[in-house]
Amino acid sequence: MKPLIALSLIFLSGCGIVHIEIRDKTPKREVQRPQRRVEAPQRTYQPPAEALKVPLPVKGKVTPTDRGYYINTACGEYFRSVGEGKVLYAGNDIKNYGWVVMVESDERFVYVYAKAGSLLVKRGEWVKKSQPLGRVGEDREGCGLLFEVRDQEGRPVKFSVE
C-alpha cells in the first residue's frame, strides 16, 4: 500500500506542472477601418501681390533681419504704434527679446515691437495709430528696437518700411 501512496503523490505532484493551452485555429482577419480625410485648414491671410508697406515705429538707422527690421536709435526714444489695434501681449517673458509689445491690427496683422526698455501700454488695451507704446531699450547691439509683422498664425510676413 505504501508504494501506491508514493506513486499517487508523485503523480499528483507531476500534474501540477502540466500546462494546457487552447488556441483558436481560425485565421485572424484584419479589421478595415474607414480612412479619415483631413482637410487642410483654411488660410485667413492671403499675402498681397506686392510687399506690405509699413511706417517706421521710430526714426533711426534701419537694418533688415531674417524676420523684420532692427532700428538703431537713441536710448529712451519713444516708439509708436504703426496702426490701430488691440494689445495682445505686453511683457518681458520672452527670452532675449526684452520688453515686447504685440498689437493685432484691423488688417489682421500682428505688429511686434521687441527689445524695448519700458512699456506704456498693457494687454487688452486699444491703441491708436502713432500712439506711444514705450521707450527704446539697450542691449549688446546698442540702443534700438526690433520690429516684425506677423500673420494671424504667427508666421513672419515680408514687408518694407516707409
N, C-alpha and C. Protein backbone atom coordinates (compact mmCIF):
# COMPACT_ATOMS: atom_id res chain seq x y z
N MET A 1 0.81 -1.18 0.00
CA MET A 1 0.00 0.00 0.00
C MET A 1 0.86 1.25 0.00
N LYS A 2 1.99 1.17 0.71
CA LYS A 2 2.88 2.32 0.75
C LYS A 2 3.41 2.68 -0.63
N PRO A 3 3.76 1.71 -1.50
CA PRO A 3 4.20 2.11 -2.83
C PRO A 3 3.09 2.79 -3.63
N LEU A 4 1.84 2.40 -3.39
CA LEU A 4 0.73 3.02 -4.10
C LEU A 4 0.56 4.48 -3.70
N ILE A 5 0.73 4.77 -2.43
CA ILE A 5 0.63 6.16 -1.94
C ILE A 5 1.79 6.97 -2.51
N ALA A 6 2.96 6.41 -2.54
CA ALA A 6 4.11 7.12 -3.07
C ALA A 6 3.91 7.43 -4.55
N LEU A 7 3.39 6.45 -5.31
CA LEU A 7 3.13 6.69 -6.72
C LEU A 7 2.04 7.74 -6.92
N SER A 8 1.04 7.72 -6.06
CA SER A 8 -0.04 8.71 -6.15
C SER A 8 0.50 10.11 -5.90
N LEU A 9 1.37 10.24 -4.91
CA LEU A 9 1.96 11.55 -4.60
C LEU A 9 2.82 12.05 -5.76
N ILE A 10 3.59 11.15 -6.35
CA ILE A 10 4.42 11.54 -7.49
C ILE A 10 3.54 11.95 -8.66
N PHE A 11 2.45 11.19 -8.87
CA PHE A 11 1.55 11.52 -9.97
C PHE A 11 0.88 12.88 -9.74
N LEU A 12 0.41 13.11 -8.53
CA LEU A 12 -0.26 14.37 -8.22
C LEU A 12 0.70 15.56 -8.30
N SER A 13 1.92 15.38 -7.82
CA SER A 13 2.87 16.48 -7.89
C SER A 13 3.27 16.76 -9.33
N GLY A 14 3.31 15.73 -10.16
CA GLY A 14 3.62 15.91 -11.57
C GLY A 14 2.49 16.59 -12.32
N CYS A 15 1.28 16.41 -11.87
CA CYS A 15 0.13 17.04 -12.53
C CYS A 15 0.15 18.55 -12.34
N GLY A 16 0.80 19.00 -11.31
CA GLY A 16 0.86 20.44 -11.05
C GLY A 16 1.65 21.20 -12.09
N ILE A 17 2.50 20.53 -12.82
CA ILE A 17 3.31 21.24 -13.81
C ILE A 17 2.78 21.07 -15.23
N VAL A 18 1.64 20.43 -15.36
CA VAL A 18 1.05 20.26 -16.69
C VAL A 18 0.44 21.60 -17.11
N HIS A 19 0.74 22.02 -18.31
CA HIS A 19 0.25 23.30 -18.84
C HIS A 19 -0.63 23.01 -20.03
N ILE A 20 -1.86 23.46 -19.96
CA ILE A 20 -2.80 23.24 -21.05
C ILE A 20 -3.01 24.57 -21.76
N GLU A 21 -2.87 24.57 -23.09
CA GLU A 21 -3.06 25.78 -23.89
C GLU A 21 -4.03 25.46 -25.01
N ILE A 22 -5.07 26.28 -25.10
CA ILE A 22 -6.06 26.10 -26.14
C ILE A 22 -5.91 27.27 -27.11
N ARG A 23 -5.77 26.97 -28.37
CA ARG A 23 -5.59 28.01 -29.38
C ARG A 23 -6.74 27.96 -30.37
N ASP A 24 -7.08 29.14 -30.86
CA ASP A 24 -8.11 29.24 -31.89
C ASP A 24 -7.42 29.04 -33.23
N LYS A 25 -7.88 28.09 -34.00
CA LYS A 25 -7.25 27.76 -35.27
C LYS A 25 -7.76 28.62 -36.43
N THR A 26 -8.80 29.45 -36.20
CA THR A 26 -9.32 30.27 -37.30
C THR A 26 -8.36 31.43 -37.56
N PRO A 27 -8.10 31.75 -38.83
CA PRO A 27 -7.16 32.85 -39.14
C PRO A 27 -7.77 34.20 -38.75
N LYS A 28 -6.90 35.08 -38.33
CA LYS A 28 -7.35 36.42 -37.92
C LYS A 28 -7.57 37.27 -39.16
N ARG A 29 -8.68 38.00 -39.15
CA ARG A 29 -8.97 38.93 -40.24
C ARG A 29 -8.55 40.32 -39.81
N GLU A 30 -7.98 41.04 -40.77
CA GLU A 30 -7.61 42.43 -40.48
C GLU A 30 -8.86 43.29 -40.54
N VAL A 31 -9.02 44.10 -39.54
CA VAL A 31 -10.17 44.98 -39.49
C VAL A 31 -9.87 46.19 -40.36
N GLN A 32 -10.72 46.44 -41.32
CA GLN A 32 -10.52 47.60 -42.19
C GLN A 32 -11.29 48.77 -41.61
N ARG A 33 -10.55 49.79 -41.29
CA ARG A 33 -11.15 50.99 -40.73
C ARG A 33 -11.31 52.02 -41.84
N PRO A 34 -12.39 52.77 -41.78
CA PRO A 34 -12.55 53.81 -42.80
C PRO A 34 -11.49 54.88 -42.62
N GLN A 35 -10.93 55.33 -43.74
CA GLN A 35 -9.88 56.35 -43.67
C GLN A 35 -10.52 57.71 -43.45
N ARG A 36 -9.94 58.45 -42.51
CA ARG A 36 -10.43 59.80 -42.25
C ARG A 36 -9.76 60.76 -43.20
N ARG A 37 -10.53 61.65 -43.74
CA ARG A 37 -9.98 62.67 -44.63
C ARG A 37 -9.70 63.90 -43.81
N VAL A 38 -8.46 64.31 -43.86
CA VAL A 38 -8.06 65.51 -43.16
C VAL A 38 -7.88 66.61 -44.19
N GLU A 39 -8.70 67.64 -44.04
CA GLU A 39 -8.60 68.75 -44.97
C GLU A 39 -7.65 69.80 -44.43
N ALA A 40 -6.94 70.44 -45.32
CA ALA A 40 -6.02 71.50 -44.92
C ALA A 40 -6.82 72.66 -44.36
N PRO A 41 -6.31 73.29 -43.28
CA PRO A 41 -7.04 74.43 -42.71
C PRO A 41 -7.08 75.60 -43.69
N GLN A 42 -8.16 76.32 -43.63
CA GLN A 42 -8.30 77.49 -44.48
C GLN A 42 -7.38 78.59 -43.98
N ARG A 43 -6.65 79.20 -44.88
CA ARG A 43 -5.77 80.30 -44.50
C ARG A 43 -6.60 81.57 -44.37
N THR A 44 -6.39 82.28 -43.29
CA THR A 44 -7.13 83.52 -43.08
C THR A 44 -6.43 84.69 -43.74
N TYR A 45 -5.15 84.54 -44.01
CA TYR A 45 -4.38 85.64 -44.57
C TYR A 45 -3.92 85.27 -45.97
N GLN A 46 -4.21 86.11 -46.91
CA GLN A 46 -3.71 85.94 -48.27
C GLN A 46 -2.64 86.99 -48.49
N PRO A 47 -1.40 86.60 -48.77
CA PRO A 47 -0.35 87.59 -48.95
C PRO A 47 -0.64 88.49 -50.15
N PRO A 48 -0.37 89.78 -50.00
CA PRO A 48 -0.62 90.68 -51.12
C PRO A 48 0.35 90.41 -52.26
N ALA A 49 -0.06 90.82 -53.46
CA ALA A 49 0.79 90.62 -54.64
C ALA A 49 2.09 91.41 -54.50
N GLU A 50 1.99 92.61 -53.92
CA GLU A 50 3.20 93.40 -53.68
C GLU A 50 3.47 93.42 -52.18
N ALA A 51 4.68 93.72 -51.82
CA ALA A 51 5.08 93.69 -50.41
C ALA A 51 4.30 94.73 -49.61
N LEU A 52 3.98 94.37 -48.38
CA LEU A 52 3.30 95.25 -47.46
C LEU A 52 4.22 96.41 -47.08
N LYS A 53 3.70 97.62 -47.06
CA LYS A 53 4.50 98.78 -46.67
C LYS A 53 3.98 99.29 -45.34
N VAL A 54 4.90 99.43 -44.39
CA VAL A 54 4.55 99.82 -43.03
C VAL A 54 5.41 101.01 -42.62
N PRO A 55 4.83 102.00 -41.92
CA PRO A 55 5.65 103.11 -41.45
C PRO A 55 6.58 102.67 -40.32
N LEU A 56 7.67 103.39 -40.13
CA LEU A 56 8.60 103.09 -39.05
C LEU A 56 7.98 103.46 -37.70
N PRO A 57 8.17 102.62 -36.68
CA PRO A 57 7.65 102.96 -35.36
C PRO A 57 8.52 104.00 -34.64
N VAL A 58 9.77 104.16 -35.10
CA VAL A 58 10.71 105.12 -34.51
C VAL A 58 11.73 105.48 -35.59
N LYS A 59 12.21 106.70 -35.57
CA LYS A 59 13.21 107.09 -36.57
C LYS A 59 14.58 106.57 -36.15
N GLY A 60 15.35 106.14 -37.15
CA GLY A 60 16.69 105.63 -36.87
C GLY A 60 17.25 104.91 -38.07
N LYS A 61 18.42 104.29 -37.86
CA LYS A 61 19.08 103.53 -38.92
C LYS A 61 18.44 102.14 -38.99
N VAL A 62 17.92 101.80 -40.16
CA VAL A 62 17.18 100.55 -40.35
C VAL A 62 18.10 99.46 -40.90
N THR A 63 18.11 98.30 -40.21
CA THR A 63 18.89 97.14 -40.63
C THR A 63 17.95 95.95 -40.78
N PRO A 64 17.88 95.34 -41.98
CA PRO A 64 17.00 94.17 -42.15
C PRO A 64 17.50 92.97 -41.34
N THR A 65 16.55 92.18 -40.82
CA THR A 65 16.85 90.91 -40.14
C THR A 65 16.11 89.82 -40.89
N ASP A 66 16.23 88.58 -40.44
CA ASP A 66 15.55 87.49 -41.13
C ASP A 66 14.03 87.52 -40.93
N ARG A 67 13.53 88.24 -39.92
CA ARG A 67 12.09 88.29 -39.66
C ARG A 67 11.50 89.70 -39.73
N GLY A 68 12.34 90.70 -39.82
CA GLY A 68 11.83 92.07 -39.83
C GLY A 68 12.97 93.06 -39.95
N TYR A 69 12.96 94.06 -39.07
CA TYR A 69 13.98 95.11 -39.10
C TYR A 69 14.43 95.44 -37.68
N TYR A 70 15.72 95.76 -37.55
CA TYR A 70 16.25 96.31 -36.31
C TYR A 70 16.51 97.78 -36.58
N ILE A 71 15.97 98.64 -35.72
CA ILE A 71 16.08 100.08 -35.92
C ILE A 71 16.97 100.66 -34.83
N ASN A 72 18.20 101.06 -35.19
CA ASN A 72 19.11 101.69 -34.24
C ASN A 72 18.69 103.14 -34.05
N THR A 73 18.54 103.53 -32.80
CA THR A 73 18.12 104.89 -32.48
C THR A 73 18.62 105.25 -31.08
N ALA A 74 18.27 106.41 -30.59
CA ALA A 74 18.71 106.86 -29.27
C ALA A 74 17.98 106.09 -28.17
N CYS A 75 18.71 105.79 -27.09
CA CYS A 75 18.10 105.12 -25.94
C CYS A 75 17.04 106.03 -25.33
N GLY A 76 15.93 105.44 -24.92
CA GLY A 76 14.87 106.21 -24.28
C GLY A 76 13.92 106.89 -25.25
N GLU A 77 14.19 106.81 -26.54
CA GLU A 77 13.30 107.41 -27.55
C GLU A 77 11.96 106.67 -27.53
N TYR A 78 10.85 107.39 -27.68
CA TYR A 78 9.54 106.75 -27.73
C TYR A 78 9.35 106.05 -29.07
N PHE A 79 8.79 104.83 -29.04
CA PHE A 79 8.38 104.18 -30.28
C PHE A 79 6.86 104.17 -30.30
N ARG A 80 6.29 104.28 -31.50
CA ARG A 80 4.85 104.48 -31.65
C ARG A 80 4.21 103.36 -32.46
N SER A 81 2.91 103.20 -32.25
CA SER A 81 2.14 102.19 -32.97
C SER A 81 2.05 102.57 -34.45
N VAL A 82 2.22 101.59 -35.32
CA VAL A 82 2.14 101.83 -36.76
C VAL A 82 0.70 101.71 -37.27
N GLY A 83 -0.22 101.32 -36.41
CA GLY A 83 -1.63 101.20 -36.79
C GLY A 83 -2.50 100.99 -35.57
N GLU A 84 -3.82 101.10 -35.76
CA GLU A 84 -4.75 100.86 -34.67
C GLU A 84 -4.85 99.37 -34.40
N GLY A 85 -5.15 99.04 -33.14
CA GLY A 85 -5.34 97.64 -32.82
C GLY A 85 -5.39 97.38 -31.33
N LYS A 86 -5.51 96.11 -31.00
CA LYS A 86 -5.60 95.65 -29.61
C LYS A 86 -4.26 95.06 -29.19
N VAL A 87 -3.81 95.40 -27.99
CA VAL A 87 -2.55 94.86 -27.47
C VAL A 87 -2.80 93.41 -27.05
N LEU A 88 -2.16 92.47 -27.77
CA LEU A 88 -2.28 91.04 -27.46
C LEU A 88 -1.34 90.63 -26.34
N TYR A 89 -0.17 91.26 -26.30
CA TYR A 89 0.86 90.89 -25.32
C TYR A 89 1.68 92.13 -24.99
N ALA A 90 1.98 92.29 -23.73
CA ALA A 90 2.88 93.35 -23.27
C ALA A 90 3.61 92.80 -22.05
N GLY A 91 4.90 92.49 -22.22
CA GLY A 91 5.66 91.92 -21.11
C GLY A 91 7.09 91.62 -21.49
N ASN A 92 7.79 90.98 -20.56
CA ASN A 92 9.20 90.64 -20.81
C ASN A 92 9.48 89.17 -20.54
N ASP A 93 8.52 88.30 -20.82
CA ASP A 93 8.67 86.86 -20.58
C ASP A 93 9.38 86.12 -21.70
N ILE A 94 9.56 86.74 -22.85
CA ILE A 94 10.17 86.07 -23.99
C ILE A 94 11.68 86.26 -23.93
N LYS A 95 12.41 85.15 -23.82
CA LYS A 95 13.86 85.18 -23.64
C LYS A 95 14.56 85.91 -24.79
N ASN A 96 15.51 86.75 -24.45
CA ASN A 96 16.35 87.51 -25.39
C ASN A 96 15.60 88.55 -26.22
N TYR A 97 14.38 88.88 -25.84
CA TYR A 97 13.62 89.89 -26.57
C TYR A 97 13.36 91.14 -25.73
N GLY A 98 13.73 91.14 -24.46
CA GLY A 98 13.48 92.30 -23.61
C GLY A 98 11.98 92.52 -23.46
N TRP A 99 11.58 93.79 -23.29
CA TRP A 99 10.16 94.12 -23.21
C TRP A 99 9.58 94.06 -24.61
N VAL A 100 8.43 93.40 -24.73
CA VAL A 100 7.80 93.16 -26.04
C VAL A 100 6.35 93.63 -26.01
N VAL A 101 5.91 94.25 -27.11
CA VAL A 101 4.50 94.60 -27.31
C VAL A 101 4.06 93.96 -28.62
N MET A 102 2.91 93.28 -28.59
CA MET A 102 2.31 92.71 -29.80
C MET A 102 0.94 93.33 -29.97
N VAL A 103 0.71 93.95 -31.12
CA VAL A 103 -0.56 94.63 -31.40
C VAL A 103 -1.21 93.98 -32.61
N GLU A 104 -2.46 93.51 -32.44
CA GLU A 104 -3.22 92.94 -33.56
C GLU A 104 -3.97 94.08 -34.23
N SER A 105 -3.73 94.25 -35.52
CA SER A 105 -4.33 95.37 -36.24
C SER A 105 -5.65 94.98 -36.89
N ASP A 106 -6.35 95.98 -37.39
CA ASP A 106 -7.60 95.75 -38.11
C ASP A 106 -7.36 94.98 -39.41
N GLU A 107 -6.16 95.12 -39.97
CA GLU A 107 -5.82 94.43 -41.22
C GLU A 107 -5.46 92.97 -40.99
N ARG A 108 -5.66 92.47 -39.77
CA ARG A 108 -5.38 91.08 -39.39
C ARG A 108 -3.90 90.74 -39.36
N PHE A 109 -3.08 91.74 -39.12
CA PHE A 109 -1.65 91.52 -38.91
C PHE A 109 -1.35 91.71 -37.43
N VAL A 110 -0.23 91.14 -37.00
CA VAL A 110 0.25 91.37 -35.64
C VAL A 110 1.58 92.09 -35.76
N TYR A 111 1.65 93.28 -35.18
CA TYR A 111 2.88 94.06 -35.18
C TYR A 111 3.63 93.75 -33.89
N VAL A 112 4.90 93.39 -34.02
CA VAL A 112 5.72 93.01 -32.87
C VAL A 112 6.83 94.05 -32.69
N TYR A 113 6.87 94.64 -31.50
CA TYR A 113 7.90 95.62 -31.14
C TYR A 113 8.68 94.98 -29.99
N ALA A 114 9.97 94.69 -30.20
CA ALA A 114 10.74 93.97 -29.19
C ALA A 114 12.01 94.73 -28.82
N LYS A 115 12.62 94.30 -27.72
CA LYS A 115 13.85 94.87 -27.16
C LYS A 115 13.63 96.30 -26.67
N ALA A 116 12.43 96.55 -26.17
CA ALA A 116 12.11 97.87 -25.61
C ALA A 116 12.70 97.99 -24.21
N GLY A 117 12.91 99.23 -23.78
CA GLY A 117 13.42 99.48 -22.43
C GLY A 117 12.30 99.54 -21.41
N SER A 118 11.14 100.07 -21.80
CA SER A 118 9.97 100.15 -20.93
C SER A 118 8.72 100.24 -21.81
N LEU A 119 7.57 99.94 -21.20
CA LEU A 119 6.30 99.95 -21.93
C LEU A 119 5.33 100.94 -21.31
N LEU A 120 4.45 101.49 -22.15
CA LEU A 120 3.42 102.42 -21.69
C LEU A 120 2.02 101.84 -21.84
N VAL A 121 1.90 100.62 -22.38
CA VAL A 121 0.60 100.00 -22.61
C VAL A 121 0.51 98.66 -21.89
N LYS A 122 -0.73 98.18 -21.74
CA LYS A 122 -0.98 96.89 -21.09
C LYS A 122 -1.78 95.99 -22.02
N ARG A 123 -1.75 94.71 -21.72
CA ARG A 123 -2.50 93.72 -22.51
C ARG A 123 -4.00 94.06 -22.48
N GLY A 124 -4.64 93.95 -23.66
CA GLY A 124 -6.07 94.20 -23.75
C GLY A 124 -6.42 95.64 -24.10
N GLU A 125 -5.46 96.53 -24.02
CA GLU A 125 -5.69 97.95 -24.33
C GLU A 125 -5.87 98.14 -25.83
N TRP A 126 -6.67 99.14 -26.21
CA TRP A 126 -6.84 99.51 -27.62
C TRP A 126 -5.92 100.68 -27.89
N VAL A 127 -5.09 100.58 -28.92
CA VAL A 127 -4.15 101.66 -29.24
C VAL A 127 -4.49 102.26 -30.60
N LYS A 128 -4.20 103.54 -30.73
CA LYS A 128 -4.42 104.26 -31.99
C LYS A 128 -3.11 104.38 -32.74
N LYS A 129 -3.21 104.68 -34.02
CA LYS A 129 -2.02 104.88 -34.83
C LYS A 129 -1.24 106.07 -34.28
N SER A 130 0.08 105.92 -34.21
CA SER A 130 1.04 106.92 -33.70
C SER A 130 1.00 107.10 -32.19
N GLN A 131 0.25 106.27 -31.47
CA GLN A 131 0.24 106.35 -30.01
C GLN A 131 1.55 105.78 -29.47
N PRO A 132 2.21 106.46 -28.51
CA PRO A 132 3.43 105.91 -27.92
C PRO A 132 3.14 104.59 -27.19
N LEU A 133 3.97 103.59 -27.45
CA LEU A 133 3.81 102.27 -26.83
C LEU A 133 4.85 102.04 -25.74
N GLY A 134 5.99 102.70 -25.86
CA GLY A 134 7.07 102.50 -24.89
C GLY A 134 8.30 103.25 -25.30
N ARG A 135 9.40 102.93 -24.60
CA ARG A 135 10.69 103.57 -24.89
C ARG A 135 11.68 102.53 -25.38
N VAL A 136 12.56 102.97 -26.27
CA VAL A 136 13.59 102.10 -26.85
C VAL A 136 14.55 101.66 -25.75
N GLY A 137 14.97 100.41 -25.81
CA GLY A 137 15.89 99.86 -24.83
C GLY A 137 17.30 99.70 -25.37
N GLU A 138 18.16 99.16 -24.51
CA GLU A 138 19.57 98.96 -24.88
C GLU A 138 19.92 97.50 -24.66
N ASP A 139 20.69 96.93 -25.59
CA ASP A 139 21.20 95.57 -25.45
C ASP A 139 22.62 95.52 -25.98
N ARG A 140 23.14 94.33 -26.27
CA ARG A 140 24.52 94.18 -26.74
C ARG A 140 24.79 94.94 -28.03
N GLU A 141 23.75 95.10 -28.85
CA GLU A 141 23.91 95.77 -30.14
C GLU A 141 23.78 97.29 -30.02
N GLY A 142 23.55 97.79 -28.84
CA GLY A 142 23.34 99.22 -28.63
C GLY A 142 21.87 99.51 -28.39
N CYS A 143 21.47 100.74 -28.63
CA CYS A 143 20.08 101.14 -28.43
C CYS A 143 19.30 100.92 -29.72
N GLY A 144 18.15 100.30 -29.61
CA GLY A 144 17.36 100.05 -30.81
C GLY A 144 16.10 99.27 -30.51
N LEU A 145 15.33 99.06 -31.55
CA LEU A 145 14.05 98.38 -31.46
C LEU A 145 13.97 97.33 -32.57
N LEU A 146 13.52 96.14 -32.23
CA LEU A 146 13.29 95.08 -33.21
C LEU A 146 11.82 95.16 -33.61
N PHE A 147 11.55 95.23 -34.91
CA PHE A 147 10.18 95.40 -35.40
C PHE A 147 9.87 94.30 -36.41
N GLU A 148 8.76 93.58 -36.19
CA GLU A 148 8.33 92.49 -37.06
C GLU A 148 6.85 92.60 -37.35
N VAL A 149 6.42 92.03 -38.46
CA VAL A 149 5.00 91.92 -38.79
C VAL A 149 4.72 90.43 -39.00
N ARG A 150 3.62 89.95 -38.37
CA ARG A 150 3.27 88.53 -38.48
C ARG A 150 1.81 88.38 -38.89
N ASP A 151 1.49 87.20 -39.43
CA ASP A 151 0.09 86.93 -39.76
C ASP A 151 -0.61 86.36 -38.53
N GLN A 152 -1.88 85.99 -38.66
CA GLN A 152 -2.67 85.50 -37.53
C GLN A 152 -2.12 84.22 -36.92
N GLU A 153 -1.42 83.40 -37.71
CA GLU A 153 -0.84 82.16 -37.21
C GLU A 153 0.54 82.36 -36.61
N GLY A 154 1.05 83.58 -36.64
CA GLY A 154 2.36 83.87 -36.05
C GLY A 154 3.52 83.77 -37.01
N ARG A 155 3.24 83.53 -38.29
CA ARG A 155 4.32 83.43 -39.27
C ARG A 155 4.77 84.82 -39.69
N PRO A 156 6.08 85.02 -39.87
CA PRO A 156 6.58 86.33 -40.32
C PRO A 156 6.04 86.68 -41.71
N VAL A 157 5.72 87.95 -41.89
CA VAL A 157 5.23 88.47 -43.17
C VAL A 157 6.31 89.37 -43.75
N LYS A 158 6.56 89.22 -45.05
CA LYS A 158 7.54 90.10 -45.70
C LYS A 158 6.91 91.49 -45.83
N PHE A 159 7.69 92.50 -45.47
CA PHE A 159 7.19 93.86 -45.55
C PHE A 159 8.36 94.81 -45.74
N SER A 160 8.03 96.03 -46.14
CA SER A 160 9.06 97.06 -46.24
C SER A 160 8.61 98.24 -45.39
N VAL A 161 9.58 99.03 -44.97
CA VAL A 161 9.27 100.20 -44.13
C VAL A 161 9.32 101.46 -44.98
N GLU A 162 8.45 102.40 -44.63
CA GLU A 162 8.38 103.68 -45.36
C GLU A 162 9.19 104.74 -44.65
